C-alpha atoms as a PDB file:
ATOM      1  CA  MET A   1     104.990 132.276  99.709  1.00  0.00           C
ATOM      2  CA  TYR A   2     107.717 134.603 100.896  1.00  0.00           C
ATOM      3  CA  GLU A   3     110.075 134.076  97.703  1.00  0.00           C
ATOM      4  CA  GLU A   4     110.121 138.025  97.358  1.00  0.00           C
ATOM      5  CA  MET A   5     111.590 138.536 100.879  1.00  0.00           C
ATOM      6  CA  THR A   6     115.221 138.351 100.021  1.00  0.00           C
ATOM      7  CA  TYR A   7     118.012 139.975 101.820  1.00  0.00           C
ATOM      8  CA  GLU A   8     118.263 142.799  99.348  1.00  0.00           C
ATOM      9  CA  THR A   9     114.421 143.554  99.332  1.00  0.00           C
ATOM     10  CA  ILE A  10     114.222 143.669 103.078  1.00  0.00           C
ATOM     11  CA  LEU A  11     117.459 146.014 103.451  1.00  0.00           C
ATOM     12  CA  SER A  12     115.986 148.098 100.678  1.00  0.00           C
ATOM     13  CA  ASN A  13     112.735 148.407 102.808  1.00  0.00           C
ATOM     14  CA  VAL A  14     114.571 149.042 106.009  1.00  0.00           C
ATOM     15  CA  LEU A  15     116.780 151.689 104.430  1.00  0.00           C
ATOM     16  CA  ALA A  16     113.716 153.492 102.890  1.00  0.00           C
ATOM     17  CA  LYS A  17     112.355 154.171 106.364  1.00  0.00           C
ATOM     18  CA  VAL A  18     115.546 155.761 107.430  1.00  0.00           C
ATOM     19  CA  PRO A  19     115.344 159.918 107.157  1.00  0.00           C
ATOM     20  CA  ALA A  20     116.819 161.013 104.038  1.00  0.00           C
ATOM     21  CA  ASP A  21     119.199 163.367 105.733  1.00  0.00           C
ATOM     22  CA  ILE A  22     120.928 160.579 107.086  1.00  0.00           C
ATOM     23  CA  ASP A  23     123.924 158.920 105.245  1.00  0.00           C
ATOM     24  CA  LYS A  24     122.512 155.394 104.156  1.00  0.00           C
ATOM     25  CA  ARG A  25     125.351 154.578 101.562  1.00  0.00           C
ATOM     26  CA  GLU A  26     127.040 151.161 101.984  1.00  0.00           C
ATOM     27  CA  GLY A  27     129.875 151.387 104.478  1.00  0.00           C
ATOM     28  CA  SER A  28     127.800 153.951 106.414  1.00  0.00           C
ATOM     29  CA  MET A  29     127.163 153.451 110.082  1.00  0.00           C
ATOM     30  CA  ILE A  30     123.259 153.171 109.585  1.00  0.00           C
ATOM     31  CA  TYR A  31     124.056 150.594 106.810  1.00  0.00           C
ATOM     32  CA  THR A  32     126.543 148.783 108.619  1.00  0.00           C
ATOM     33  CA  ALA A  33     124.247 148.382 111.723  1.00  0.00           C
ATOM     34  CA  LEU A  34     121.119 147.454 109.649  1.00  0.00           C
ATOM     35  CA  ALA A  35     122.512 144.891 107.137  1.00  0.00           C
ATOM     36  CA  PRO A  36     123.324 142.159 109.369  1.00  0.00           C
ATOM     37  CA  ALA A  37     119.817 142.151 111.074  1.00  0.00           C
ATOM     38  CA  CYS A  38     118.431 142.128 107.413  1.00  0.00           C
ATOM     39  CA  ILE A  39     120.326 138.974 106.816  1.00  0.00           C
ATOM     40  CA  GLU A  40     118.818 137.297 109.778  1.00  0.00           C
ATOM     41  CA  LEU A  41     115.232 138.439 108.712  1.00  0.00           C
ATOM     42  CA  ALA A  42     115.808 136.915 105.404  1.00  0.00           C
ATOM     43  CA  GLN A  43     116.687 133.755 106.893  1.00  0.00           C
ATOM     44  CA  LEU A  44     113.712 133.607 109.106  1.00  0.00           C
ATOM     45  CA  TYR A  45     111.471 134.253 105.901  1.00  0.00           C
ATOM     46  CA  LEU A  46     113.120 130.909 104.532  1.00  0.00           C
ATOM     47  CA  GLU A  47     112.349 129.210 107.748  1.00  0.00           C
ATOM     48  CA  LEU A  48     108.571 130.394 107.735  1.00  0.00           C
ATOM     49  CA  ASP A  49     108.386 129.328 104.136  1.00  0.00           C
ATOM     50  CA  LEU A  50     109.779 125.869 104.983  1.00  0.00           C
ATOM     51  CA  ILE A  51     107.341 125.547 107.988  1.00  0.00           C
ATOM     52  CA  LEU A  52     104.299 126.506 105.773  1.00  0.00           C
ATOM     53  CA  ASN A  53     105.505 123.724 103.088  1.00  0.00           C
ATOM     54  CA  GLU A  54     105.739 121.259 105.980  1.00  0.00           C
ATOM     55  CA  THR A  55     102.358 121.995 107.335  1.00  0.00           C
ATOM     56  CA  PHE A  56     100.233 120.589 104.298  1.00  0.00           C
ATOM     57  CA  ALA A  57     100.529 116.935 103.324  1.00  0.00           C
ATOM     58  CA  ASP A  58     100.689 117.558  99.732  1.00  0.00           C
ATOM     59  CA  THR A  59     104.083 119.555 100.033  1.00  0.00           C
ATOM     60  CA  ALA A  60     105.440 117.969 103.262  1.00  0.00           C
ATOM     61  CA  SER A  61     108.660 116.069 103.317  1.00  0.00           C
ATOM     62  CA  ARG A  62     108.655 112.595 104.316  1.00  0.00           C
ATOM     63  CA  ASP A  63     109.304 112.936 108.143  1.00  0.00           C
ATOM     64  CA  TYR A  64     106.346 115.480 108.653  1.00  0.00           C
ATOM     65  CA  LEU A  65     103.974 113.697 106.217  1.00  0.00           C
ATOM     66  CA  VAL A  66     104.497 110.477 108.335  1.00  0.00           C
ATOM     67  CA  ARG A  67     103.425 112.712 111.394  1.00  0.00           C
ATOM     68  CA  ARG A  68     100.621 114.138 109.935  1.00  0.00           C
ATOM     69  CA  ALA A  69      99.245 110.793 108.304  1.00  0.00           C
ATOM     70  CA  LEU A  70      99.415 109.425 111.960  1.00  0.00           C
ATOM     71  CA  GLU A  71      96.823 111.658 112.890  1.00  0.00           C
ATOM     72  CA  ARG A  72      94.498 109.402 110.792  1.00  0.00           C
ATOM     73  CA  GLY A  73      96.125 106.199 112.005  1.00  0.00           C
ATOM     74  CA  ILE A  74      97.920 105.771 108.798  1.00  0.00           C
ATOM     75  CA  LYS A  75     101.563 104.489 108.545  1.00  0.00           C
ATOM     76  CA  PRO A  76     103.986 104.075 105.833  1.00  0.00           C
ATOM     77  CA  LYS A  77     104.571 100.243 104.989  1.00  0.00           C
ATOM     78  CA  GLU A  78     107.864  99.006 106.343  1.00  0.00           C
ATOM     79  CA  ALA A  79     110.043  96.842 104.187  1.00  0.00           C
ATOM     80  CA  THR A  80     109.558  93.180 104.573  1.00  0.00           C
ATOM     81  CA  TYR A  81     111.427  90.048 104.181  1.00  0.00           C
ATOM     82  CA  ALA A  82     111.016  87.357 101.452  1.00  0.00           C
ATOM     83  CA  VAL A  83     109.629  83.965 102.453  1.00  0.00           C
ATOM     84  CA  VAL A  84     110.682  81.241 100.158  1.00  0.00           C
ATOM     85  CA  ARG A  85     110.288  77.339  99.942  1.00  0.00           C
ATOM     86  CA  GLY A  86     113.380  75.421 100.298  1.00  0.00           C
ATOM     87  CA  GLU A  87     113.662  71.681  99.282  1.00  0.00           C
ATOM     88  CA  PHE A  88     116.460  69.546 100.869  1.00  0.00           C
ATOM     89  CA  ASN A  89     117.329  65.896 100.521  1.00  0.00           C
ATOM     90  CA  ILE A  90     117.251  65.560 104.392  1.00  0.00           C
ATOM     91  CA  ASP A  91     115.474  67.245 107.301  1.00  0.00           C
ATOM     92  CA  VAL A  92     117.783  70.225 108.410  1.00  0.00           C
ATOM     93  CA  PRO A  93     117.622  72.099 111.678  1.00  0.00           C
ATOM     94  CA  ILE A  94     115.359  75.133 112.210  1.00  0.00           C
ATOM     95  CA  GLY A  95     117.562  78.356 112.273  1.00  0.00           C
ATOM     96  CA  SER A  96     120.207  76.917 109.901  1.00  0.00           C
ATOM     97  CA  ARG A  97     121.525  79.416 107.541  1.00  0.00           C
ATOM     98  CA  TYR A  98     122.156  79.244 103.645  1.00  0.00           C
ATOM     99  CA  SER A  99     123.204  81.794 100.978  1.00  0.00           C
ATOM    100  CA  LEU A 100     122.282  82.158  97.298  1.00  0.00           C
ATOM    101  CA  ASP A 101     123.595  84.889  95.316  1.00  0.00           C
ATOM    102  CA  LYS A 102     124.519  87.666  97.736  1.00  0.00           C
ATOM    103  CA  PHE A 103     121.608  86.902 100.091  1.00  0.00           C
ATOM    104  CA  THR A 104     121.396  84.747 103.336  1.00  0.00           C
ATOM    105  CA  TYR A 105     118.369  82.490 104.277  1.00  0.00           C
ATOM    106  CA  ILE A 106     117.346  80.926 107.537  1.00  0.00           C
ATOM    107  CA  THR A 107     115.000  77.874 108.044  1.00  0.00           C
ATOM    108  CA  LYS A 108     111.931  79.102 110.106  1.00  0.00           C
ATOM    109  CA  LYS A 109     109.270  76.253 109.647  1.00  0.00           C
ATOM    110  CA  LYS A 110     108.979  72.838 108.690  1.00  0.00           C
ATOM    111  CA  LEU A 111     106.248  72.153 105.759  1.00  0.00           C
ATOM    112  CA  SER A 112     106.864  68.476 105.264  1.00  0.00           C
ATOM    113  CA  ASP A 113     109.776  65.974 104.971  1.00  0.00           C
ATOM    114  CA  GLY A 114     112.719  67.888 103.543  1.00  0.00           C
ATOM    115  CA  VAL A 115     110.626  70.856 102.753  1.00  0.00           C
ATOM    116  CA  TYR A 116     111.021  74.399 104.685  1.00  0.00           C
ATOM    117  CA  GLU A 117     109.893  77.734 104.831  1.00  0.00           C
ATOM    118  CA  LEU A 118     112.834  80.047 104.760  1.00  0.00           C
ATOM    119  CA  GLU A 119     113.164  83.758 105.412  1.00  0.00           C
ATOM    120  CA  CYS A 120     115.702  85.869 103.767  1.00  0.00           C
ATOM    121  CA  GLU A 121     117.883  88.032 106.125  1.00  0.00           C
ATOM    122  CA  VAL A 122     117.904  91.160 103.795  1.00  0.00           C
ATOM    123  CA  SER A 123     114.734  92.995 103.575  1.00  0.00           C
ATOM    124  CA  GLY A 124     113.110  94.501 100.413  1.00  0.00           C
ATOM    125  CA  SER A 125     112.270  93.152  96.860  1.00  0.00           C
ATOM    126  CA  THR A 126     115.622  92.581  95.575  1.00  0.00           C
ATOM    127  CA  PRO A 127     115.750  89.072  96.766  1.00  0.00           C
ATOM    128  CA  ASN A 128     112.555  88.029  94.856  1.00  0.00           C
ATOM    129  CA  GLY A 129     114.077  86.897  91.785  1.00  0.00           C
ATOM    130  CA  SER A 130     116.355  84.606  93.676  1.00  0.00           C
ATOM    131  CA  ILE A 131     115.709  80.856  92.864  1.00  0.00           C
ATOM    132  CA  GLY A 132     118.325  78.200  92.773  1.00  0.00           C
ATOM    133  CA  LYS A 133     120.835  76.265  94.689  1.00  0.00           C
ATOM    134  CA  LEU A 134     121.497  77.051  98.242  1.00  0.00           C
ATOM    135  CA  ILE A 135     124.972  76.689 100.031  1.00  0.00           C
ATOM    136  CA  PRO A 136     124.863  76.032 103.715  1.00  0.00           C
ATOM    137  CA  ILE A 137     126.520  78.620 105.818  1.00  0.00           C
ATOM    138  CA  GLU A 138     127.684  75.832 108.331  1.00  0.00           C
ATOM    139  CA  TYR A 139     128.196  72.116 107.552  1.00  0.00           C
ATOM    140  CA  ILE A 140     125.228  69.926 107.809  1.00  0.00           C
ATOM    141  CA  ASP A 141     125.964  66.195 107.784  1.00  0.00           C
ATOM    142  CA  GLY A 142     124.302  64.288 105.081  1.00  0.00           C
ATOM    143  CA  LEU A 143     123.051  67.281 103.112  1.00  0.00           C
ATOM    144  CA  GLU A 144     123.683  66.855  99.461  1.00  0.00           C
ATOM    145  CA  THR A 145     120.943  69.161  97.738  1.00  0.00           C
ATOM    146  CA  ALA A 146     119.154  72.280  98.665  1.00  0.00           C
ATOM    147  CA  MET A 147     117.151  74.355  96.466  1.00  0.00           C
ATOM    148  CA  ILE A 148     114.955  77.445  96.658  1.00  0.00           C
ATOM    149  CA  THR A 149     112.064  76.366  94.573  1.00  0.00           C
ATOM    150  CA  GLU A 150     109.352  79.033  94.946  1.00  0.00           C
ATOM    151  CA  ILE A 151     108.859  82.583  96.342  1.00  0.00           C
ATOM    152  CA  LEU A 152     105.957  82.124  98.920  1.00  0.00           C
ATOM    153  CA  ILE A 153     105.504  85.774 100.176  1.00  0.00           C
ATOM    154  CA  PRO A 154     107.637  88.174  98.118  1.00  0.00           C
ATOM    155  CA  GLY A 155     109.752  90.815 100.243  1.00  0.00           C
ATOM    156  CA  GLU A 156     108.548  94.515  99.813  1.00  0.00           C
ATOM    157  CA  ASP A 157     110.569  97.650  99.949  1.00  0.00           C
ATOM    158  CA  GLU A 158     109.672 100.613 102.425  1.00  0.00           C
ATOM    159  CA  GLU A 159     106.816 102.297 100.858  1.00  0.00           C
ATOM    160  CA  ASP A 160     107.787 105.114  98.562  1.00  0.00           C
ATOM    161  CA  THR A 161     106.909 108.549  99.706  1.00  0.00           C
ATOM    162  CA  GLU A 162     104.767 109.740  96.864  1.00  0.00           C
ATOM    163  CA  ILE A 163     102.651 106.492  96.993  1.00  0.00           C
ATOM    164  CA  PHE A 164     102.330 106.877 100.745  1.00  0.00           C
ATOM    165  CA  ARG A 165     101.370 110.663 100.325  1.00  0.00           C
ATOM    166  CA  LYS A 166      98.655 109.456  97.567  1.00  0.00           C
ATOM    167  CA  ARG A 167      97.260 106.924 100.132  1.00  0.00           C
ATOM    168  CA  TYR A 168      96.953 109.395 102.858  1.00  0.00           C
ATOM    169  CA  LEU A 169      95.317 111.996 100.499  1.00  0.00           C
ATOM    170  CA  ASP A 170      92.872 109.183  99.220  1.00  0.00           C
ATOM    171  CA  SER A 171      91.808 108.210 102.655  1.00  0.00           C
ATOM    172  CA  PHE A 172      89.746 111.475 102.518  1.00  0.00           C
ATOM    173  CA  ASP A 173      87.682 110.132  99.581  1.00  0.00           C
ATOM    174  CA  ALA A 174      86.461 106.997 101.051  1.00  0.00           C
ATOM    175  CA  GLN A 175      86.061 106.475 104.636  1.00  0.00           C
ATOM    176  CA  ALA A 176      86.957 103.048 106.100  1.00  0.00           C
ATOM    177  CA  PHE A 177      84.289 101.872 108.575  1.00  0.00           C
ATOM    178  CA  GLY A 178      83.075  98.746 110.168  1.00  0.00           C
ATOM    179  CA  GLY A 179      83.997  96.196 107.259  1.00  0.00           C
ATOM    180  CA  ASN A 180      82.894  98.197 104.332  1.00  0.00           C
ATOM    181  CA  ARG A 181      84.850  97.765 100.998  1.00  0.00           C
ATOM    182  CA  THR A 182      87.504 100.427 101.835  1.00  0.00           C
ATOM    183  CA  ASP A 183      87.927  98.975 105.307  1.00  0.00           C
ATOM    184  CA  TYR A 184      88.646  95.607 103.892  1.00  0.00           C
ATOM    185  CA  LYS A 185      90.997  97.059 101.061  1.00  0.00           C
ATOM    186  CA  GLU A 186      93.086  99.109 103.624  1.00  0.00           C
ATOM    187  CA  LYS A 187      93.414  96.236 106.228  1.00  0.00           C
ATOM    188  CA  VAL A 188      94.291  93.524 103.544  1.00  0.00           C
ATOM    189  CA  LEU A 189      96.791  95.700 101.641  1.00  0.00           C
ATOM    190  CA  ARG A 190      98.822  96.295 104.944  1.00  0.00           C
ATOM    191  CA  LEU A 191      99.493  92.709 105.167  1.00  0.00           C
ATOM    192  CA  SER A 192     103.085  91.764 104.377  1.00  0.00           C
ATOM    193  CA  GLY A 193     103.249  90.199 100.824  1.00  0.00           C
ATOM    194  CA  VAL A 194      99.826  91.484  99.486  1.00  0.00           C
ATOM    195  CA  GLY A 195      99.923  94.039  96.468  1.00  0.00           C
ATOM    196  CA  ALA A 196      96.297  94.070  95.279  1.00  0.00           C
ATOM    197  CA  VAL A 197      92.823  93.038  96.339  1.00  0.00           C
ATOM    198  CA  LYS A 198      89.166  92.915  95.219  1.00  0.00           C
ATOM    199  CA  VAL A 199      86.256  92.601  97.565  1.00  0.00           C
ATOM    200  CA  TYR A 200      83.112  90.874  96.410  1.00  0.00           C
ATOM    201  CA  ARG A 201      79.674  89.875  97.951  1.00  0.00           C
ATOM    202  CA  ALA A 202      80.041  86.102  98.066  1.00  0.00           C
ATOM    203  CA  THR A 203      77.842  83.097  98.120  1.00  0.00           C
ATOM    204  CA  ASN A 204      77.344  80.999 101.173  1.00  0.00           C
ATOM    205  CA  VAL A 205      77.804  77.181 101.472  1.00  0.00           C
ATOM    206  CA  SER A 206      74.389  76.795  99.502  1.00  0.00           C
ATOM    207  CA  GLY A 207      75.296  78.754  96.615  1.00  0.00           C
ATOM    208  CA  GLU A 208      73.070  81.646  97.720  1.00  0.00           C
ATOM    209  CA  GLU A 209      74.044  85.336  98.037  1.00  0.00           C
ATOM    210  CA  ALA A 210      73.565  86.005 101.504  1.00  0.00           C
ATOM    211  CA  GLY A 211      74.496  88.882 103.856  1.00  0.00           C
ATOM    212  CA  GLY A 212      77.788  88.446 105.613  1.00  0.00           C
ATOM    213  CA  ASN A 213      79.530  86.609 103.195  1.00  0.00           C
ATOM    214  CA  VAL A 214      82.539  88.196 101.640  1.00  0.00           C
ATOM    215  CA  LYS A 215      85.265  87.166  99.085  1.00  0.00           C
ATOM    216  CA  LEU A 216      88.689  88.698  98.918  1.00  0.00           C
ATOM    217  CA  THR A 217      90.793  87.823  95.646  1.00  0.00           C
ATOM    218  CA  ILE A 218      94.404  88.845  96.041  1.00  0.00           C
ATOM    219  CA  LEU A 219      97.742  89.244  94.205  1.00  0.00           C
ATOM    220  CA  ASP A 220     101.156  89.346  95.967  1.00  0.00           C
ATOM    221  CA  SER A 221     103.320  92.370  96.216  1.00  0.00           C
ATOM    222  CA  SER A 222     104.977  91.441  92.753  1.00  0.00           C
ATOM    223  CA  LEU A 223     101.331  91.576  91.352  1.00  0.00           C
ATOM    224  CA  ASN A 224     101.768  87.954  90.643  1.00  0.00           C
ATOM    225  CA  LYS A 225      99.484  85.059  91.470  1.00  0.00           C
ATOM    226  CA  PRO A 226      99.961  84.480  95.171  1.00  0.00           C
ATOM    227  CA  SER A 227     101.275  81.106  96.737  1.00  0.00           C
ATOM    228  CA  GLY A 228      99.007  79.123  98.930  1.00  0.00           C
ATOM    229  CA  VAL A 229     101.026  80.076 101.870  1.00  0.00           C
ATOM    230  CA  LEU A 230     100.252  83.859 101.451  1.00  0.00           C
ATOM    231  CA  VAL A 231      96.499  83.092 100.821  1.00  0.00           C
ATOM    232  CA  ASN A 232      96.351  80.941 104.038  1.00  0.00           C
ATOM    233  CA  MET A 233      98.155  83.803 105.870  1.00  0.00           C
ATOM    234  CA  VAL A 234      95.749  86.408 104.639  1.00  0.00           C
ATOM    235  CA  GLN A 235      92.776  84.185 105.517  1.00  0.00           C
ATOM    236  CA  THR A 236      93.864  83.798 109.015  1.00  0.00           C
ATOM    237  CA  ALA A 237      94.558  87.373 109.519  1.00  0.00           C
ATOM    238  CA  VAL A 238      91.218  88.298 107.950  1.00  0.00           C
ATOM    239  CA  ASP A 239      88.902  85.362 109.190  1.00  0.00           C
ATOM    240  CA  PRO A 240      90.446  82.284 110.370  1.00  0.00           C
ATOM    241  CA  THR A 241      88.550  79.290 108.837  1.00  0.00           C
ATOM    242  CA  ASN A 242      88.368  77.213 112.104  1.00  0.00           C
ATOM    243  CA  ASN A 243      86.240  80.022 113.731  1.00  0.00           C
ATOM    244  CA  SER A 244      84.748  81.623 110.603  1.00  0.00           C
ATOM    245  CA  GLY A 245      82.379  84.614 111.272  1.00  0.00           C
ATOM    246  CA  ASP A 246      83.524  84.813 115.066  1.00  0.00           C
ATOM    247  CA  GLY A 247      85.208  88.065 114.427  1.00  0.00           C
ATOM    248  CA  GLU A 248      88.623  86.438 115.496  1.00  0.00           C
ATOM    249  CA  GLY A 249      90.453  88.195 112.660  1.00  0.00           C
ATOM    250  CA  PHE A 250      90.038  91.866 111.574  1.00  0.00           C
ATOM    251  CA  ALA A 251      86.640  90.912 109.874  1.00  0.00           C
ATOM    252  CA  PRO A 252      83.723  92.130 111.645  1.00  0.00           C
ATOM    253  CA  LEU A 253      81.475  89.396 113.649  1.00  0.00           C
ATOM    254  CA  TRP A 254      79.430  87.516 111.465  1.00  0.00           C
ATOM    255  CA  HIS A 255      81.271  88.344 108.239  1.00  0.00           C
ATOM    256  CA  PHE A 256      82.290  84.828 106.596  1.00  0.00           C
ATOM    257  CA  VAL A 257      85.351  85.752 104.647  1.00  0.00           C
ATOM    258  CA  HIS A 258      86.729  83.447 101.805  1.00  0.00           C
ATOM    259  CA  VAL A 259      90.063  84.577 100.548  1.00  0.00           C
ATOM    260  CA  ILE A 260      91.437  83.233  97.295  1.00  0.00           C
ATOM    261  CA  GLY A 261      94.338  83.989  95.088  1.00  0.00           C
ATOM    262  CA  ALA A 262      93.949  85.448  91.474  1.00  0.00           C
ATOM    263  CA  GLU A 263      94.086  82.908  88.538  1.00  0.00           C
ATOM    264  CA  GLU A 264      96.578  82.977  85.612  1.00  0.00           C
ATOM    265  CA  THR A 265      95.133  83.043  82.033  1.00  0.00           C
ATOM    266  CA  LYS A 266      97.837  82.115  79.676  1.00  0.00           C
ATOM    267  CA  ILE A 267      97.894  84.148  76.366  1.00  0.00           C
ATOM    268  CA  ASP A 268      99.346  82.472  73.359  1.00  0.00           C
ATOM    269  CA  ILE A 269     100.395  84.667  70.618  1.00  0.00           C
ATOM    270  CA  THR A 270     101.169  83.998  66.945  1.00  0.00           C
ATOM    271  CA  THR A 271     102.065  86.998  64.591  1.00  0.00           C
ATOM    272  CA  SER A 272     103.821  87.886  61.508  1.00  0.00           C
ATOM    273  CA  ILE A 273     107.034  90.229  61.795  1.00  0.00           C
ATOM    274  CA  THR A 274     108.889  91.970  59.178  1.00  0.00           C
ATOM    275  CA  TYR A 275     112.473  92.530  60.175  1.00  0.00           C
ATOM    276  CA  GLN A 276     115.288  94.852  59.245  1.00  0.00           C
ATOM    277  CA  ALA A 277     118.280  93.507  57.365  1.00  0.00           C
ATOM    278  CA  GLY A 278     120.567  91.632  59.501  1.00  0.00           C
ATOM    279  CA  TYR A 279     118.026  90.729  62.225  1.00  0.00           C
ATOM    280  CA  LYS A 280     116.079  87.523  62.708  1.00  0.00           C
ATOM    281  CA  PHE A 281     113.565  86.022  65.297  1.00  0.00           C
ATOM    282  CA  GLU A 282     116.152  84.205  67.109  1.00  0.00           C
ATOM    283  CA  ASP A 283     118.030  87.286  67.839  1.00  0.00           C
ATOM    284  CA  LEU A 284     115.099  89.273  69.164  1.00  0.00           C
ATOM    285  CA  LYS A 285     112.932  86.512  70.690  1.00  0.00           C
ATOM    286  CA  SER A 286     114.008  87.223  74.234  1.00  0.00           C
ATOM    287  CA  TYR A 287     113.321  91.111  73.659  1.00  0.00           C
ATOM    288  CA  ILE A 288     110.138  90.363  72.198  1.00  0.00           C
ATOM    289  CA  GLU A 289     108.926  88.062  75.234  1.00  0.00           C
ATOM    290  CA  GLU A 290     110.345  90.839  77.587  1.00  0.00           C
ATOM    291  CA  VAL A 291     108.216  93.602  76.095  1.00  0.00           C
ATOM    292  CA  ILE A 292     104.957  91.564  75.948  1.00  0.00           C
ATOM    293  CA  ASP A 293     105.508  90.514  79.627  1.00  0.00           C
ATOM    294  CA  GLY A 294     106.061  94.279  80.335  1.00  0.00           C
ATOM    295  CA  TYR A 295     102.688  95.023  78.736  1.00  0.00           C
ATOM    296  CA  PHE A 296     100.901  92.344  80.812  1.00  0.00           C
ATOM    297  CA  LYS A 297     102.539  93.644  83.912  1.00  0.00           C
ATOM    298  CA  ASN A 298     101.439  97.303  83.243  1.00  0.00           C
ATOM    299  CA  LEU A 299      97.969  95.832  82.519  1.00  0.00           C
ATOM    300  CA  VAL A 300      97.875  94.078  85.820  1.00  0.00           C
ATOM    301  CA  LYS A 301      98.600  97.495  87.618  1.00  0.00           C
ATOM    302  CA  SER A 302      95.111  98.368  87.066  1.00  0.00           C
ATOM    303  CA  TRP A 303      93.657  94.956  88.093  1.00  0.00           C
ATOM    304  CA  GLN A 304      92.444  96.123  91.498  1.00  0.00           C
ATOM    305  CA  GLU A 305      90.395  98.980  90.304  1.00  0.00           C
ATOM    306  CA  SER A 306      89.188  97.428  87.047  1.00  0.00           C
ATOM    307  CA  ASP A 307      86.029  95.216  86.486  1.00  0.00           C
ATOM    308  CA  THR A 308      88.013  93.142  84.226  1.00  0.00           C
ATOM    309  CA  LEU A 309      91.289  93.261  82.065  1.00  0.00           C
ATOM    310  CA  VAL A 310      91.183  93.306  78.356  1.00  0.00           C
ATOM    311  CA  VAL A 311      94.366  92.017  76.479  1.00  0.00           C
ATOM    312  CA  ARG A 312      94.471  94.038  73.352  1.00  0.00           C
ATOM    313  CA  ILE A 313      96.101  92.773  70.081  1.00  0.00           C
ATOM    314  CA  SER A 314      96.991  96.292  69.069  1.00  0.00           C
ATOM    315  CA  GLN A 315      98.776  96.941  72.382  1.00  0.00           C
ATOM    316  CA  ILE A 316     100.793  93.600  71.638  1.00  0.00           C
ATOM    317  CA  GLU A 317     101.713  94.868  68.130  1.00  0.00           C
ATOM    318  CA  SER A 318     102.715  98.343  69.335  1.00  0.00           C
ATOM    319  CA  ALA A 319     104.985  96.709  72.024  1.00  0.00           C
ATOM    320  CA  ILE A 320     106.806  94.633  69.624  1.00  0.00           C
ATOM    321  CA  LEU A 321     107.056  97.249  66.916  1.00  0.00           C
ATOM    322  CA  GLY A 322     109.199  99.332  69.367  1.00  0.00           C
ATOM    323  CA  ILE A 323     112.129  96.823  69.394  1.00  0.00           C
ATOM    324  CA  THR A 324     114.852  97.754  67.325  1.00  0.00           C
ATOM    325  CA  GLY A 325     115.231  95.672  64.277  1.00  0.00           C
ATOM    326  CA  ILE A 326     111.638  95.197  63.556  1.00  0.00           C
ATOM    327  CA  ILE A 327     109.939  96.996  60.786  1.00  0.00           C
ATOM    328  CA  ASP A 328     106.282  95.764  60.908  1.00  0.00           C
ATOM    329  CA  VAL A 329     103.947  93.574  62.821  1.00  0.00           C
ATOM    330  CA  ASN A 330     100.615  92.233  61.635  1.00  0.00           C
ATOM    331  CA  ASN A 331      98.240  89.393  61.321  1.00  0.00           C
ATOM    332  CA  THR A 332      98.354  88.762  65.071  1.00  0.00           C
ATOM    333  CA  SER A 333      96.192  86.335  66.882  1.00  0.00           C
ATOM    334  CA  ILE A 334      95.827  85.769  70.682  1.00  0.00           C
ATOM    335  CA  ASN A 335      94.672  82.242  71.887  1.00  0.00           C
ATOM    336  CA  GLY A 336      93.679  81.259  68.466  1.00  0.00           C
ATOM    337  CA  GLY A 337      91.574  84.322  67.545  1.00  0.00           C
ATOM    338  CA  LYS A 338      91.892  87.825  66.107  1.00  0.00           C
ATOM    339  CA  VAL A 339      89.780  89.406  68.621  1.00  0.00           C
ATOM    340  CA  ASN A 340      90.904  90.993  72.029  1.00  0.00           C
ATOM    341  CA  ILE A 341      90.191  88.818  75.011  1.00  0.00           C
ATOM    342  CA  GLU A 342      88.395  89.906  78.201  1.00  0.00           C
ATOM    343  CA  LEU A 343      89.628  88.229  81.158  1.00  0.00           C
ATOM    344  CA  ASN A 344      87.718  86.625  84.202  1.00  0.00           C
ATOM    345  CA  PRO A 345      87.593  89.345  86.637  1.00  0.00           C
ATOM    346  CA  ASP A 346      89.639  87.406  89.064  1.00  0.00           C
ATOM    347  CA  SER A 347      92.210  86.408  86.336  1.00  0.00           C
ATOM    348  CA  ILE A 348      95.491  88.039  85.310  1.00  0.00           C
ATOM    349  CA  PRO A 349      97.439  87.596  81.925  1.00  0.00           C
ATOM    350  CA  VAL A 350     100.570  85.852  81.624  1.00  0.00           C
ATOM    351  CA  ARG A 351     102.408  84.885  78.559  1.00  0.00           C
ATOM    352  CA  GLY A 352     102.027  81.517  77.014  1.00  0.00           C
ATOM    353  CA  SER A 353     103.672  80.423  73.700  1.00  0.00           C
ATOM    354  CA  PHE A 354     105.066  83.060  71.235  1.00  0.00           C
ATOM    355  CA  ASN A 355     105.102  81.883  67.637  1.00  0.00           C
ATOM    356  CA  GLU A 356     105.540  83.331  64.019  1.00  0.00           C
ATOM    357  CA  ASN A 357     103.090  82.742  61.160  1.00  0.00           C
END
């Protein structure tokens, strides 16, 4: 707003107000007296411009955006710690520590004989891809095998500033109130490990659509099918099953909430590929699988706001065609047919088999 108020402009304006019969040349007494004050005024205008930008949510830096959002009770999501399933040949002590890759894990809860929940000691999403053999930090008598076999609750990074800004601005478009759809979405998405949620009117135990019955379908923070542990955690936070409808979670009194995880629909692909000279299927298979997985992942990003996802043959062919060494792709079928597949509203696509004609 004050970009034009530079030192040179201010000095020129000030000197213009000095009578013409006074020496105003650089080095003169009046020039030397006014120039330092003009520098300070120019700096003041810069500070005023900064204050103006920090006042509004669309231009505020993160610290001031957080303060603005707090006025509506909205906070950025903090980084969380991945929770994993560990399997051991013996029972191990709660609190024992193990390493995998560059990460350290600590046992938190026993699930069954030799099976435990472990929590990563490093927050964020980086450890989410670590599955494999654990090495104990301290000697445990009788321990022969220790493995992470599943990511139960993915770790999340601190919420990105621009994503947080959009969430704050979006809060003005739909008001969360008393268990309406927006209220459920906001509160469920705040829970650790949850990346997306759909809210439905649900049926009661008799199969009838009755007031107060709500169904929530969720994805984990990596936009994958959630583990049973995460589903149970969300169910307990929303509406504990042992006192369903009593308002002991954040669901309103007399709301009977049923939390489920999204299902995976395998997509088997068969196609014909023409390769450049020197390339063959075995060389490019991993790249082909990677771009297909990327297409599915991008598709799933719109799952929460979509009635249903559609897996399109043209998009699969386009993704494969972008790989170096591939000239043409045609005659593609998915799940045995040559038509696009519309998934169940509670399903997400995952790659099944991939074969050439």
